[in-house]
Structures are given as structure tokens and as C-alpha cells.
């Protein structure tokens, strides 16, 4: 049975004091979650949140890592450094990394390999732009991202990957994919995994929805057959909103 998971991606938000206060509030309100909860703060707040959550069921993720283990890459952080902290997950392929930092499928593939080599689990993001959906190419775009960044992996490695579908036109815009649109894409992704790796791997993989998921729409989205939780941005910056989504 696959896990139900909700991820809080705080992006470039929260000072150290704000991050620890928000995490503490979430932990206080969370009680006994029936879904796995993952929080992804900035690099600066990783150590503090790892310490805060060490005796809880909440996991901590990095929002990114470099494709090399070490070297002359000023300002970067390697997967080996993250693993050394005792980190659980790393987010790779987020639409903002693809867009603002021009990360392509080949670069993301390298990051996937380096993260897995260090024992990190991956939250792999994929999704299409509005123009691609309008042109009817949304399935093709997501398929290409999966094929070029993930499908070189052996089946045993894929079991350490969570997929987050995030339609770029819905990320941070307030526009959410309908439950039908989300289900169609999640089913497409699961079918692709089935064709590549078999039904056992596909049925065991958690596929999350990301893109203006909120307390008001989370219940309908999470009720879809192939939607196993959410990758939450703006709504995760408020403890009550985030907990409402976790409990949806």
C-alpha cells in the first residue's frame, strides 16, 4: 500500500526564528498524522529543523542539491553534505529551478543519481506550462521529463522516489488544476511507470499534486484515485492552513 504524503515547500521564506516557530506550531497541532509529513526549509534552517523534529514522525527535505559531490562550485550544497546532516529527502526538478535556473532534464538526471548515491530519497517534480497544455502537449511534456530524468534508474532505485506533479500554470498563481485534470495526469504518470517498471512498482509509488493546493480544494484533490497527497507551497507557510491540508 503506497504512502499518503504531504510536503511543505517553504521556498525562500522564513528567517531562522520564523522557521523554528512555524515548525514548532505545526508539530504542536499535528498530533498523530495519518499521512507522512515532510518539511522543506531553506538550507540555513535545515539543521535547526532536523533537531526540532528528531523525536517526531515529521521528515525534513532540502529544496535542492548540486549535481557534483564536491568541488569549486561557490554557493552550492552537495548531496553528501545533506546526507551527513541525517536528512531524509531532497526536492529535485522543481519548476522554479527549471525556469529560473535553466535546469534541464539531463542536469536533473545527474542530480537524481548523485542524491540516490548518498542515500537520499527524492521528491521529483514534473509538470507542463500553460502553453503546452493549451496545445495538447501536456502528457508528452511530462512523459519526456520522466523518461529523460528518471527512467534510466533500475527498479530498486525508483522505490526511493516520490513524484510531484506540478502544473507550472498553477504554481503560486491561485489557479488549481481541477480534480479531473489532476487525476488524468497522475493516472498517466502511473501508467508510464507501469509500462517501464511493472504494476508492482507503479502501484507502490506515491504521486503528489502541487499547484495552489489549499484547505478549500485539498479534500477533492486527495480523493482522486491516483493522487496520494500534496506538494504545498504558499499554504504551508501558515500552520493552520497546512494542518488543514494534512487532515483533508
Protein backbone atom coordinates (compact mmCIF):
# COMPACT_ATOMS: atom_id res chain seq x y z
CA UNK A 1 0.00 0.00 0.00
CA UNK A 2 1.51 3.33 -1.05
CA UNK A 3 2.09 6.18 1.40
CA UNK A 4 -0.06 9.27 1.62
CA UNK A 5 2.34 12.21 1.88
CA UNK A 6 2.10 15.97 2.30
CA UNK A 7 5.20 18.11 1.69
CA UNK A 8 5.63 21.72 2.87
CA UNK A 9 7.94 23.53 0.45
CA UNK A 10 8.75 26.82 2.14
CA UNK A 11 10.88 28.06 -0.78
CA UNK A 12 12.85 31.27 0.01
CA UNK A 13 10.74 32.19 3.01
CA UNK A 14 11.16 32.31 6.81
CA UNK A 15 14.07 33.63 8.82
CA UNK A 16 15.62 31.29 11.38
CA UNK A 17 13.27 32.40 14.14
CA UNK A 18 10.24 32.26 11.82
CA UNK A 19 11.15 28.79 10.58
CA UNK A 20 11.58 27.33 14.06
CA UNK A 21 8.36 28.97 15.26
CA UNK A 22 6.38 27.67 12.29
CA UNK A 23 7.80 24.18 12.59
CA UNK A 24 7.07 24.14 16.33
CA UNK A 25 3.49 25.26 15.67
CA UNK A 26 3.00 22.55 13.06
CA UNK A 27 4.37 19.90 15.41
CA UNK A 28 2.10 21.11 18.22
CA UNK A 29 -1.00 20.95 16.04
CA UNK A 30 -0.12 17.80 14.12
CA UNK A 31 -0.67 15.27 16.91
CA UNK A 32 -0.70 11.81 15.26
CA UNK A 33 -0.69 12.29 11.48
CA UNK A 34 -2.11 9.50 9.32
CA UNK A 35 -0.07 10.83 6.41
CA UNK A 36 3.69 11.24 6.19
CA UNK A 37 4.61 14.90 6.63
CA UNK A 38 7.77 16.40 5.12
CA UNK A 39 9.02 19.97 5.58
CA UNK A 40 11.50 21.60 3.18
CA UNK A 41 13.01 24.81 4.63
CA UNK A 42 15.93 26.83 3.25
CA UNK A 43 19.46 25.46 3.62
CA UNK A 44 20.07 27.83 6.55
CA UNK A 45 17.26 26.29 8.59
CA UNK A 46 17.87 22.60 7.89
CA UNK A 47 19.95 21.84 10.99
CA UNK A 48 17.53 23.55 13.38
CA UNK A 49 14.51 21.75 11.93
CA UNK A 50 16.26 18.39 11.91
CA UNK A 51 16.88 18.90 15.63
CA UNK A 52 13.30 20.06 16.27
CA UNK A 53 11.77 17.04 14.55
CA UNK A 54 14.22 14.33 15.65
CA UNK A 55 11.77 12.67 18.06
CA UNK A 56 8.74 13.05 15.78
CA UNK A 57 7.42 11.40 12.63
CA UNK A 58 7.98 14.56 10.58
CA UNK A 59 10.74 14.34 7.96
CA UNK A 60 12.95 17.14 6.65
CA UNK A 61 13.86 17.75 2.99
CA UNK A 62 16.28 20.00 1.18
CA UNK A 63 14.87 22.09 -1.65
CA UNK A 64 17.77 21.25 -3.96
CA UNK A 65 21.31 19.88 -4.23
CA UNK A 66 24.23 20.18 -6.65
CA UNK A 67 24.99 17.54 -9.27
CA UNK A 68 28.57 17.03 -8.02
CA UNK A 69 29.71 15.75 -4.62
CA UNK A 70 32.35 18.45 -4.09
CA UNK A 71 34.47 20.99 -5.92
CA UNK A 72 34.83 24.61 -6.93
CA UNK A 73 31.12 25.45 -7.03
CA UNK A 74 30.77 28.60 -4.97
CA UNK A 75 27.43 28.92 -3.19
CA UNK A 76 26.34 25.33 -3.84
CA UNK A 77 25.48 22.48 -1.45
CA UNK A 78 26.18 18.83 -2.24
CA UNK A 79 24.10 15.74 -1.63
CA UNK A 80 26.87 14.31 0.55
CA UNK A 81 26.67 17.36 2.85
CA UNK A 82 22.90 16.97 3.12
CA UNK A 83 23.18 13.25 3.82
CA UNK A 84 25.77 13.95 6.51
CA UNK A 85 23.16 16.03 8.35
CA UNK A 86 20.90 12.99 8.52
CA UNK A 87 18.49 14.48 6.02
CA UNK A 88 15.70 12.30 4.63
CA UNK A 89 14.70 13.85 1.30
CA UNK A 90 15.71 16.29 -1.42
CA UNK A 91 13.39 18.03 -3.89
CA UNK A 92 14.67 17.91 -7.48
CA UNK A 93 13.31 19.30 -10.75
CA UNK A 94 11.01 21.90 -9.23
CA UNK A 95 9.51 24.15 -11.91
CA UNK A 96 11.18 27.21 -10.38
CA UNK A 97 14.60 25.55 -10.68
CA UNK A 98 13.81 24.59 -14.27
CA UNK A 99 12.60 28.09 -15.16
CA UNK A 100 14.81 30.49 -13.21
CA UNK A 101 18.00 28.39 -13.19
CA UNK A 102 17.53 26.76 -16.60
CA UNK A 103 17.85 23.24 -15.21
CA UNK A 104 17.10 20.76 -17.99
CA UNK A 105 16.22 17.08 -17.84
CA UNK A 106 19.84 15.97 -18.28
CA UNK A 107 21.08 18.07 -15.37
CA UNK A 108 18.23 16.89 -13.17
CA UNK A 109 19.10 13.31 -14.10
CA UNK A 110 22.62 13.86 -12.76
CA UNK A 111 21.20 15.30 -9.54
CA UNK A 112 18.91 12.28 -9.19
CA UNK A 113 21.87 9.92 -9.49
CA UNK A 114 24.09 11.82 -7.06
CA UNK A 115 21.32 12.14 -4.45
CA UNK A 116 20.49 8.44 -4.59
CA UNK A 117 24.18 7.54 -4.33
CA UNK A 118 24.23 9.35 -0.98
CA UNK A 119 21.18 7.55 0.37
CA UNK A 120 18.76 10.46 -0.01
CA UNK A 121 15.18 9.92 -1.08
CA UNK A 122 13.93 12.11 -3.91
CA UNK A 123 10.82 14.20 -4.44
CA UNK A 124 10.94 14.53 -8.22
CA UNK A 125 8.88 17.35 -9.72
CA UNK A 126 7.42 17.38 -13.21
CA UNK A 127 4.80 19.45 -14.98
CA UNK A 128 3.84 21.49 -18.02
CA UNK A 129 3.46 25.17 -18.90
CA UNK A 130 0.08 26.64 -19.82
CA UNK A 131 1.04 26.89 -23.50
CA UNK A 132 1.92 23.20 -23.58
CA UNK A 133 -1.42 22.24 -22.06
CA UNK A 134 -3.30 24.58 -24.39
CA UNK A 135 -1.56 22.92 -27.33
CA UNK A 136 -2.49 19.45 -26.06
CA UNK A 137 1.14 18.56 -25.35
CA UNK A 138 0.92 18.29 -21.56
CA UNK A 139 1.10 14.50 -21.46
CA UNK A 140 4.05 14.49 -23.88
CA UNK A 141 5.96 17.09 -21.82
CA UNK A 142 5.59 15.20 -18.56
CA UNK A 143 6.46 11.93 -20.29
CA UNK A 144 9.69 13.44 -21.61
CA UNK A 145 10.67 14.73 -18.18
CA UNK A 146 10.18 11.29 -16.65
CA UNK A 147 11.94 9.44 -19.48
CA UNK A 148 14.98 11.71 -19.55
CA UNK A 149 15.46 12.23 -15.80
CA UNK A 150 14.16 9.09 -14.09
CA UNK A 151 13.71 6.13 -16.41
CA UNK A 152 17.41 5.28 -16.57
CA UNK A 153 17.12 4.12 -12.96
CA UNK A 154 16.84 0.45 -12.01
CA UNK A 155 13.58 -0.57 -10.35
CA UNK A 156 15.11 -0.80 -6.88
CA UNK A 157 16.26 2.83 -7.08
CA UNK A 158 12.87 4.07 -8.24
CA UNK A 159 11.39 2.83 -4.99
CA UNK A 160 13.21 5.72 -3.28
CA UNK A 161 11.46 8.32 -5.46
CA UNK A 162 8.25 10.26 -4.87
CA UNK A 163 6.81 12.09 -7.87
CA UNK A 164 5.25 15.53 -7.51
CA UNK A 165 3.10 16.63 -10.44
CA UNK A 166 3.01 20.43 -10.51
CA UNK A 167 1.36 22.11 -13.49
CA UNK A 168 3.51 25.22 -13.85
CA UNK A 169 0.47 27.35 -14.67
CA UNK A 170 -0.93 26.55 -11.22
CA UNK A 171 2.21 27.01 -9.07
CA UNK A 172 1.75 30.07 -6.87
CA UNK A 173 -0.93 31.52 -9.17
CA UNK A 174 -4.06 30.66 -7.21
CA UNK A 175 -5.25 28.68 -10.23
CA UNK A 176 -5.60 25.00 -9.39
CA UNK A 177 -5.94 22.05 -11.71
CA UNK A 178 -9.40 20.55 -11.47
CA UNK A 179 -9.68 17.22 -9.71
CA UNK A 180 -10.28 15.65 -13.13
CA UNK A 181 -7.15 17.26 -14.62
CA UNK A 182 -5.04 16.17 -11.66
CA UNK A 183 -6.36 12.61 -11.79
CA UNK A 184 -5.80 12.34 -15.55
CA UNK A 185 -2.15 13.35 -15.24
CA UNK A 186 -1.49 11.25 -12.16
CA UNK A 187 -3.01 8.22 -13.93
CA UNK A 188 -0.85 8.97 -16.97
CA UNK A 189 2.28 9.08 -14.80
CA UNK A 190 1.37 5.82 -13.07
CA UNK A 191 0.68 4.17 -16.43
CA UNK A 192 4.09 5.26 -17.67
CA UNK A 193 5.75 3.73 -14.61
CA UNK A 194 3.73 0.55 -15.12
CA UNK A 195 4.91 0.28 -18.72
CA UNK A 196 8.53 0.88 -17.74
CA UNK A 197 8.80 -0.96 -14.42
CA UNK A 198 5.67 -3.03 -13.93
CA UNK A 199 2.50 -2.65 -11.90
CA UNK A 200 4.03 -3.54 -8.53
CA UNK A 201 6.46 -0.59 -8.66
CA UNK A 202 3.82 1.75 -10.11
CA UNK A 203 1.16 0.88 -7.56
CA UNK A 204 3.63 1.37 -4.72
CA UNK A 205 4.77 4.83 -5.83
CA UNK A 206 3.33 7.95 -4.20
CA UNK A 207 2.40 10.68 -6.69
CA UNK A 208 1.65 14.09 -5.18
CA UNK A 209 -0.19 17.10 -6.59
CA UNK A 210 1.39 20.55 -6.35
CA UNK A 211 -0.06 23.81 -7.64
CA UNK A 212 -2.17 26.16 -5.47
CA UNK A 213 -3.39 23.30 -3.29
CA UNK A 214 -5.27 24.82 -0.35
CA UNK A 215 -7.56 23.82 2.54
CA UNK A 216 -10.55 24.52 0.29
CA UNK A 217 -9.60 22.14 -2.54
CA UNK A 218 -7.31 19.57 -0.91
CA UNK A 219 -10.09 17.16 0.03
CA UNK A 220 -11.37 16.85 -3.55
CA UNK A 221 -7.85 16.53 -4.96
CA UNK A 222 -6.76 13.92 -2.43
CA UNK A 223 -9.94 11.90 -3.05
CA UNK A 224 -8.78 11.08 -6.57
CA UNK A 225 -7.65 7.50 -7.12
CA UNK A 226 -4.08 8.31 -8.16
CA UNK A 227 -3.45 11.43 -6.04
CA UNK A 228 -1.54 10.40 -2.93
CA UNK A 229 -1.08 13.78 -1.27
CA UNK A 230 0.28 17.24 -1.95
CA UNK A 231 3.38 19.31 -2.54
CA UNK A 232 2.32 22.52 -0.79
CA UNK A 233 3.85 25.97 -1.28
CA UNK A 234 2.09 29.14 -0.09
CA UNK A 235 -0.43 27.33 2.11
CA UNK A 236 2.38 25.62 4.03
CA UNK A 237 3.60 28.97 5.37
CA UNK A 238 0.68 29.05 7.78
CA UNK A 239 0.46 26.27 10.37
CA UNK A 240 -3.34 26.09 10.48
CA UNK A 241 -3.68 26.05 6.68
CA UNK A 242 -1.04 23.36 6.36
CA UNK A 243 -2.55 21.19 9.07
CA UNK A 244 -5.97 21.54 7.39
CA UNK A 245 -4.45 20.19 4.19
CA UNK A 246 -2.70 17.33 6.01
CA UNK A 247 -6.05 16.38 7.57
CA UNK A 248 -8.06 16.84 4.36
